[in-house]
Structure formats: C-alpha cells, structure tokens
Protein backbone atom coordinates (compact mmCIF):
# COMPACT_ATOMS: atom_id res chain seq x y z
CA UNK A 1 0.00 0.00 0.00
CA UNK A 2 2.78 2.32 0.86
CA UNK A 3 4.38 1.75 -2.53
CA UNK A 4 1.11 2.64 -4.23
CA UNK A 5 1.04 5.96 -2.43
CA UNK A 6 4.62 6.68 -3.48
CA UNK A 7 3.86 5.71 -7.09
CA UNK A 8 0.79 7.96 -7.14
CA UNK A 9 2.85 10.74 -5.63
CA UNK A 10 5.56 10.35 -8.24
CA UNK A 11 2.96 10.43 -11.00
CA UNK A 12 0.70 13.17 -9.63
CA UNK A 13 3.32 15.72 -8.60
CA UNK A 14 5.00 15.95 -12.05
CA UNK A 15 1.58 15.93 -13.73
CA UNK A 16 0.45 18.90 -11.64
CA UNK A 17 3.69 20.74 -12.37
CA UNK A 18 3.34 20.13 -16.09
CA UNK A 19 -0.28 21.27 -16.04
CA UNK A 20 0.75 24.62 -14.60
CA UNK A 21 3.48 25.33 -17.18
CA UNK A 22 1.19 26.39 -20.09
CA UNK A 23 -0.69 28.82 -17.88
CA UNK A 24 2.60 30.33 -16.71
CA UNK A 25 3.87 30.63 -20.28
CA UNK A 26 0.65 32.34 -21.42
CA UNK A 27 0.93 34.82 -18.59
CA UNK A 28 4.53 35.60 -19.49
CA UNK A 29 3.69 36.03 -23.19
CA UNK A 30 0.92 38.52 -22.49
CA UNK A 31 3.13 40.45 -20.09
CA UNK A 32 5.95 40.57 -22.65
CA UNK A 33 3.65 41.93 -25.31
CA UNK A 34 2.50 44.68 -23.01
CA UNK A 35 5.97 45.60 -21.79
CA UNK A 36 7.97 44.92 -24.91
CA UNK A 37 10.98 46.84 -26.13
CA UNK A 38 10.12 50.46 -26.98
CA UNK A 39 12.43 50.29 -29.97
CA UNK A 40 10.47 47.35 -31.40
CA UNK A 41 7.21 49.24 -30.84
CA UNK A 42 8.59 52.27 -32.68
CA UNK A 43 9.72 50.08 -35.55
CA UNK A 44 6.26 48.48 -35.83
CA UNK A 45 4.59 51.90 -35.88
CA UNK A 46 7.03 53.14 -38.51
CA UNK A 47 6.32 50.14 -40.74
CA UNK A 48 2.57 50.67 -40.41
CA UNK A 49 2.83 54.36 -41.25
CA UNK A 50 5.12 53.62 -44.17
CA UNK A 51 2.52 51.31 -45.69
CA UNK A 52 -0.08 54.07 -45.61
CA UNK A 53 2.00 56.81 -47.24
CA UNK A 54 2.08 56.93 -51.07
CA UNK A 55 5.41 56.75 -52.86
CA UNK A 56 6.75 60.11 -54.07
CA UNK A 57 6.81 60.75 -57.80
CA UNK A 58 10.11 60.92 -59.67
CA UNK A 59 11.56 64.40 -59.87
CA UNK A 60 13.93 64.87 -62.78
CA UNK A 61 16.97 67.04 -62.19
CA UNK A 62 19.79 68.31 -64.38
CA UNK A 63 21.89 65.36 -63.27
CA UNK A 64 19.33 62.96 -64.71
CA UNK A 65 19.29 64.82 -67.99
CA UNK A 66 23.08 64.92 -68.25
CA UNK A 67 23.25 61.11 -68.22
CA UNK A 68 21.88 61.00 -71.78
CA UNK A 69 24.24 62.06 -74.54
CA UNK A 70 23.57 65.42 -76.22
CA UNK A 71 23.97 63.72 -79.61
CA UNK A 72 20.88 61.62 -79.01
CA UNK A 73 18.62 64.66 -78.58
CA UNK A 74 17.37 66.31 -81.73
CA UNK A 75 14.57 68.69 -82.52
CA UNK A 76 12.18 68.56 -85.43
CA UNK A 77 13.79 69.78 -88.65
CA UNK A 78 17.35 69.77 -87.29
CA UNK A 79 19.96 67.10 -86.97
CA UNK A 80 22.25 66.56 -84.05
CA UNK A 81 25.94 67.00 -84.69
CA UNK A 82 28.85 65.97 -82.59
CA UNK A 83 31.06 68.78 -81.38
CA UNK A 84 33.64 66.57 -79.75
CA UNK A 85 36.98 66.39 -81.50
CA UNK A 86 39.05 63.27 -81.56
CA UNK A 87 42.33 63.61 -79.75
CA UNK A 88 45.39 63.46 -81.93
CA UNK A 89 47.63 60.43 -81.78
CA UNK A 90 44.81 57.89 -81.46
CA UNK A 91 44.06 55.34 -84.10
CA UNK A 92 41.23 56.42 -86.35
CA UNK A 93 41.02 52.95 -87.81
CA UNK A 94 37.87 50.99 -88.12
CA UNK A 95 36.81 48.98 -85.04
CA UNK A 96 36.85 45.87 -87.23
CA UNK A 97 40.66 46.11 -87.46
CA UNK A 98 41.20 47.11 -83.84
CA UNK A 99 42.85 45.08 -81.15
CA UNK A 100 39.59 44.14 -79.44
CA UNK A 101 38.04 42.90 -82.69
CA UNK A 102 41.05 40.72 -83.53
CA UNK A 103 41.20 39.30 -80.02
CA UNK A 104 37.48 38.48 -80.20
CA UNK A 105 37.94 36.70 -83.54
CA UNK A 106 40.79 34.59 -82.18
CA UNK A 107 38.89 33.84 -78.97
CA UNK A 108 35.81 32.74 -80.95
CA UNK A 109 37.91 30.48 -83.18
CA UNK A 110 39.65 28.92 -80.18
CA UNK A 111 36.27 28.38 -78.47
CA UNK A 112 35.00 26.55 -81.56
CA UNK A 113 38.11 24.36 -81.55
CA UNK A 114 37.67 23.60 -77.83
CA UNK A 115 34.01 22.62 -78.31
CA UNK A 116 34.88 20.37 -81.24
CA UNK A 117 37.67 18.69 -79.25
CA UNK A 118 35.29 18.07 -76.33
CA UNK A 119 32.76 16.56 -78.72
CA UNK A 120 35.50 14.36 -80.19
CA UNK A 121 36.50 13.21 -76.72
CA UNK A 122 32.90 12.24 -75.94
CA UNK A 123 32.56 10.36 -79.22
CA UNK A 124 35.78 8.46 -78.57
CA UNK A 125 34.59 7.44 -75.10
CA UNK A 126 31.27 6.26 -76.53
CA UNK A 127 33.14 4.21 -79.14
CA UNK A 128 35.33 2.60 -76.48
CA UNK A 129 32.27 1.72 -74.43
CA UNK A 130 30.51 0.26 -77.48
CA UNK A 131 33.56 -1.84 -78.37
CA UNK A 132 33.68 -3.28 -74.87
CA UNK A 133 30.00 -4.18 -75.05
CA UNK A 134 30.21 -5.66 -78.56
CA UNK A 135 30.88 -9.38 -78.77
CA UNK A 136 31.74 -10.89 -82.14
CA UNK A 137 30.39 -14.24 -80.88
CA UNK A 138 26.97 -14.75 -82.54
CA UNK A 139 25.51 -16.40 -79.43
CA UNK A 140 26.29 -13.39 -77.23
CA UNK A 141 25.47 -10.95 -80.02
CA UNK A 142 21.80 -11.87 -79.73
CA UNK A 143 21.60 -10.50 -76.18
CA UNK A 144 23.77 -7.40 -76.60
CA UNK A 145 22.58 -3.88 -77.32
CA UNK A 146 25.30 -2.76 -79.75
CA UNK A 147 25.85 -4.04 -83.26
CA UNK A 148 28.80 -3.65 -85.57
CA UNK A 149 26.80 -1.01 -87.44
CA UNK A 150 26.64 1.15 -84.27
CA UNK A 151 30.40 0.93 -83.92
CA UNK A 152 30.91 1.84 -87.59
CA UNK A 153 28.57 4.86 -87.20
CA UNK A 154 30.51 6.09 -84.19
CA UNK A 155 33.80 5.63 -86.02
CA UNK A 156 32.46 7.65 -88.97
CA UNK A 157 31.35 10.44 -86.60
CA UNK A 158 34.80 10.50 -85.02
CA UNK A 159 36.46 10.79 -88.44
CA UNK A 160 34.13 13.65 -89.40
CA UNK A 161 34.84 15.45 -86.12
CA UNK A 162 38.59 15.06 -86.63
CA UNK A 163 38.26 16.62 -90.09
CA UNK A 164 36.22 19.47 -88.60
CA UNK A 165 38.93 20.10 -85.98
CA UNK A 166 41.59 20.14 -88.68
CA UNK A 167 39.55 22.71 -90.65
CA UNK A 168 39.07 24.86 -87.55
CA UNK A 169 42.80 24.79 -86.81
CA UNK A 170 43.49 25.71 -90.43
CA UNK A 171 41.02 28.59 -90.00
CA UNK A 172 43.00 29.75 -86.96
CA UNK A 173 46.20 29.72 -89.02
CA UNK A 174 44.44 31.66 -91.79
CA UNK A 175 43.25 34.19 -89.23
CA UNK A 176 46.85 34.69 -88.07
CA UNK A 177 47.88 35.28 -91.70
CA UNK A 178 45.09 37.83 -92.11
CA UNK A 179 46.25 39.62 -88.97
CA UNK A 180 49.81 39.75 -90.28
CA UNK A 181 48.66 41.07 -93.68
CA UNK A 182 46.45 43.69 -92.01
CA UNK A 183 49.48 44.98 -90.12
CA UNK A 184 48.19 44.05 -86.68
CA UNK A 185 50.32 43.23 -83.68
CA UNK A 186 51.07 39.47 -83.47
CA UNK A 187 50.31 39.65 -79.74
CA UNK A 188 46.64 40.17 -80.56
CA UNK A 189 46.46 36.54 -81.64
CA UNK A 190 47.27 35.28 -78.15
C-alpha cells in the first residue's frame, strides 16, 4: 500500500507541475507583449505608417538629364551634330581592325576548336564503351545492345569530327595570316 502511495505521488506531482506550465507561459507572453521593447514598438509603428504613405513621384533634375548624350537629342527639322573632336595620336582605324576585334575573332575560333575537341572526346569514349559491349560471338550478339553497325557509325562520326577540328585549326592559321597582312600586332592573336 505504501508503494502505491509513493507511485501515485511520483505520478501526480510531475503531472500537476506540467499542467501549470502552459498557464505560466501564457501569462509571461501577455506580459511581454504589453511591456515589450520600446524600440520594437517604434519600428512596428514606422512600418505601419510607411505602408499608408504613397510613394513620391520621380523628380527629374539636371543630373538625370546629363546622363543621356547630347547627340541623341534632336529637334524637329534639325539634326544633331557631334562637337567633340578626336584627340590626336589615337588610331582612327575601323573597329573591325582594332585590337579588341582581332582578339574576339581569335577567342571565338579557339572556343569553336575547344568545343569540337570536347565533342571528339565524348565520341571516342562512346566508341570505347561500345567496343567493350560488342561481342563478335553470334551467341552473345543476340543479347547485346550494340551491333557492328553502331560501332561503324561512331567511327564515322569520329572521323568527321577530326576533319572538322583540322579545318578549324586551319582557319586559326588563316586568321593569323590575315592579322599579319592587315598589319596588326602578333600579340593580338594570343
């Protein structure tokens, strides 16, 4: 009997304590809301007032107007002319023969070569995989996925890609010759 009383005591006392916790938490929450941080209250009020106020309209200033070029503005019946003079000593050559244009051409050609070489690498790996999976034994050939025709197709694609790479490299050499004939700096090809 005594053990029953102790067991009930061990069960009832924690149960009563746990029952009182939610009420205590609710009381603390309501007291915190009433006595919260004044800075947080001010921030809430500022956010609420900001929602109610309309956004100001854009006011254009002289700084905004100066961002546009004066050459772009024209009036009816007149044309805009440029009054800026080119400084002496700068190249007046066409942009198509400038350093940036040549470097872009070489970069584009090298990018094409890199893409073609990556494609060739993928094709070669696919061919190796197909050759490993291909069995010349007719009994095993019935259960395999690859045929000799697949391998021949992949080999033909590899040959075509190798020819394409050779043409692209020849195009790069031709581009270097064009640069030399145009009188450009050989460093632009790098």
